[in-house]
Amino acid sequence: MSPSEQKAIEGAFVEVLFVVLPLIVLTVVLAFTGISAIEILQSPEWSFAGAIMMGQSIVKVVQAASLYRKRVVNAERVALIITLIIVFGLAPSLVLLAFILISKPVHLGLIVAQDVFLVGSIILFMISAVVSRQLITDQQSPVDAGDQRD
């Protein structure tokens, strides 16, 4: 793994941690008050975090497309990627959030689905962030970056 790839992964991980931090605090507080693990997992905040990560993935794709100057950006491909993220990621996360908010008690299938979507959204965000950073970093030549090597 190159230093550039390592930096991209570290940067993406930092962003994920700031989204996950409130969930960690919520889990600790709820566990401290005696709420069961299943009740903690029923919390709609998990779906909310998944939706945020999906939205952040869209931002990373748009950022990479708008800043990538090395070659012409295929607008149709960017639109397709964004549409896929919205249709198969963001919209289902928001639907799950709505179902969890209106369901009492929350069905086990909804709990599992929101956890799967959260993990999937984190993975998608990490991929989007790393690829975005790589595209932006790779377009800078040593002269552009102020590094004059022979």
Protein backbone atom coordinates (compact mmCIF):
# COMPACT_ATOMS: atom_id res chain seq x y z
CA MET A 1 0.00 0.00 0.00
CA SER A 2 1.41 3.35 -1.03
CA PRO A 3 1.69 6.27 1.41
CA SER A 4 -1.01 8.07 -0.60
CA GLU A 5 -3.41 5.15 -0.22
CA GLN A 6 -2.61 4.92 3.49
CA LYS A 7 -3.39 8.63 3.95
CA ALA A 8 -6.64 8.23 2.03
CA ILE A 9 -7.76 5.34 4.23
CA GLU A 10 -6.78 7.16 7.41
CA GLY A 11 -8.66 10.29 6.31
CA ALA A 12 -11.79 8.30 5.49
CA PHE A 13 -11.57 6.43 8.80
CA VAL A 14 -11.40 9.72 10.71
CA GLU A 15 -14.60 10.91 9.01
CA VAL A 16 -16.35 7.61 9.80
CA LEU A 17 -15.32 7.85 13.46
CA PHE A 18 -16.95 11.27 13.79
CA VAL A 19 -20.22 9.86 12.46
CA VAL A 20 -19.99 6.78 14.67
CA LEU A 21 -18.93 8.67 17.82
CA PRO A 22 -22.48 9.76 18.78
CA LEU A 23 -23.61 6.15 18.35
CA ILE A 24 -20.88 4.96 20.69
CA VAL A 25 -21.87 7.58 23.29
CA LEU A 26 -25.56 6.68 22.89
CA THR A 27 -24.77 2.98 23.35
CA VAL A 28 -22.72 3.60 26.49
CA VAL A 29 -25.36 5.89 28.03
CA LEU A 30 -28.24 3.54 27.22
CA ALA A 31 -26.32 0.53 28.50
CA PHE A 32 -25.48 2.42 31.69
CA THR A 33 -29.17 3.15 32.28
CA GLY A 34 -29.93 -0.56 32.11
CA ILE A 35 -31.46 -0.73 28.65
CA SER A 36 -30.99 -4.11 26.99
CA ALA A 37 -28.81 -4.70 23.95
CA ILE A 38 -31.84 -5.43 21.76
CA GLU A 39 -33.43 -2.11 22.79
CA ILE A 40 -30.20 -0.29 21.93
CA LEU A 41 -30.17 -1.96 18.52
CA GLN A 42 -33.81 -0.89 18.00
CA SER A 43 -32.77 2.75 18.20
CA PRO A 44 -33.44 4.67 14.97
CA GLU A 45 -30.07 6.41 15.25
CA TRP A 46 -28.43 3.44 13.50
CA SER A 47 -30.52 4.07 10.36
CA PHE A 48 -29.91 7.79 10.67
CA ALA A 49 -26.14 7.21 10.71
CA GLY A 50 -26.44 4.93 7.68
CA ALA A 51 -28.31 7.62 5.77
CA ILE A 52 -25.64 10.17 6.70
CA MET A 53 -22.88 7.87 5.44
CA MET A 54 -24.76 7.31 2.16
CA GLY A 55 -25.07 11.07 1.73
CA GLN A 56 -21.38 11.50 2.46
CA SER A 57 -20.60 8.88 -0.18
CA ILE A 58 -22.51 10.96 -2.72
CA VAL A 59 -20.51 14.01 -1.68
CA LYS A 60 -17.24 12.13 -2.20
CA VAL A 61 -18.26 10.98 -5.70
CA VAL A 62 -19.28 14.51 -6.70
CA GLN A 63 -16.10 15.93 -5.18
CA ALA A 64 -13.91 13.51 -7.12
CA ALA A 65 -15.74 14.20 -10.37
CA SER A 66 -15.58 17.97 -9.96
CA LEU A 67 -11.91 18.11 -8.97
CA TYR A 68 -10.55 15.50 -11.37
CA ARG A 69 -8.84 17.44 -14.14
CA LYS A 70 -6.57 14.76 -15.57
CA ARG A 71 -9.10 13.65 -18.15
CA VAL A 72 -12.67 14.27 -19.15
CA VAL A 73 -15.18 13.07 -16.57
CA ASN A 74 -17.87 10.77 -17.89
CA ALA A 75 -20.95 12.66 -16.64
CA GLU A 76 -23.26 9.75 -17.35
CA ARG A 77 -21.14 7.40 -15.26
CA VAL A 78 -21.03 9.87 -12.37
CA ALA A 79 -24.81 10.30 -12.61
CA LEU A 80 -25.24 6.52 -12.64
CA ILE A 81 -23.06 6.05 -9.55
CA ILE A 82 -24.92 8.78 -7.66
CA THR A 83 -28.29 7.39 -8.73
CA LEU A 84 -27.29 3.88 -7.59
CA ILE A 85 -26.22 5.20 -4.21
CA ILE A 86 -29.50 7.09 -3.81
CA VAL A 87 -31.78 4.31 -5.04
CA PHE A 88 -30.08 1.33 -3.36
CA GLY A 89 -28.53 3.07 -0.35
CA LEU A 90 -29.94 6.40 0.76
CA ALA A 91 -33.63 5.77 0.01
CA PRO A 92 -33.73 2.32 1.70
CA SER A 93 -31.89 3.75 4.73
CA LEU A 94 -34.51 6.48 5.05
CA VAL A 95 -37.38 4.02 4.57
CA LEU A 96 -35.88 1.82 7.30
CA LEU A 97 -35.59 4.87 9.54
CA ALA A 98 -39.27 5.68 8.99
CA PHE A 99 -40.36 2.07 9.66
CA ILE A 100 -38.31 1.91 12.84
CA LEU A 101 -39.77 5.21 14.04
CA ILE A 102 -43.37 4.03 13.53
CA SER A 103 -42.98 0.38 14.61
CA LYS A 104 -43.62 -0.55 18.21
CA PRO A 105 -42.17 -3.05 18.89
CA VAL A 106 -39.49 -2.97 16.22
CA HIS A 107 -39.39 -6.20 14.20
CA LEU A 108 -36.11 -8.13 14.31
CA GLY A 109 -35.88 -7.97 10.50
CA LEU A 110 -35.83 -4.15 10.65
CA ILE A 111 -33.10 -4.21 13.28
CA VAL A 112 -30.93 -6.53 11.18
CA ALA A 113 -31.64 -4.53 8.01
CA GLN A 114 -30.63 -1.21 9.57
CA ASP A 115 -27.40 -2.73 10.90
CA VAL A 116 -26.61 -4.24 7.49
CA PHE A 117 -27.29 -0.90 5.80
CA LEU A 118 -25.10 0.93 8.34
CA VAL A 119 -22.17 -1.44 7.75
CA GLY A 120 -22.73 -1.26 3.98
CA SER A 121 -22.87 2.53 4.06
CA ILE A 122 -19.60 2.70 6.00
CA ILE A 123 -17.92 0.39 3.50
CA LEU A 124 -19.30 2.39 0.57
CA PHE A 125 -18.14 5.64 2.16
CA MET A 126 -14.64 4.27 2.76
CA ILE A 127 -14.41 3.18 -0.88
CA SER A 128 -15.78 6.51 -2.14
CA ALA A 129 -13.47 8.53 0.07
CA VAL A 130 -10.35 6.55 -0.83
CA VAL A 131 -11.07 6.62 -4.58
CA SER A 132 -11.90 10.32 -4.41
CA ARG A 133 -8.68 11.11 -2.58
CA GLN A 134 -6.66 8.95 -4.99
CA LEU A 135 -8.12 10.70 -8.05
CA ILE A 136 -7.46 14.12 -6.61
CA THR A 137 -3.95 13.22 -5.40
CA ASP A 138 -2.94 11.40 -8.60
CA GLN A 139 -3.69 14.42 -10.77
CA GLN A 140 -0.98 16.46 -9.05
CA SER A 141 2.42 16.08 -10.63
CA PRO A 142 5.56 16.62 -8.54
CA VAL A 143 5.96 20.08 -10.11
CA ASP A 144 2.32 20.96 -9.31
CA ALA A 145 2.81 19.91 -5.70
CA GLY A 146 5.94 22.05 -5.37
CA ASP A 147 8.20 18.99 -5.18
CA GLN A 148 10.93 19.25 -7.81
CA ARG A 149 12.43 15.77 -8.14
CA ASP A 150 14.66 14.53 -10.91
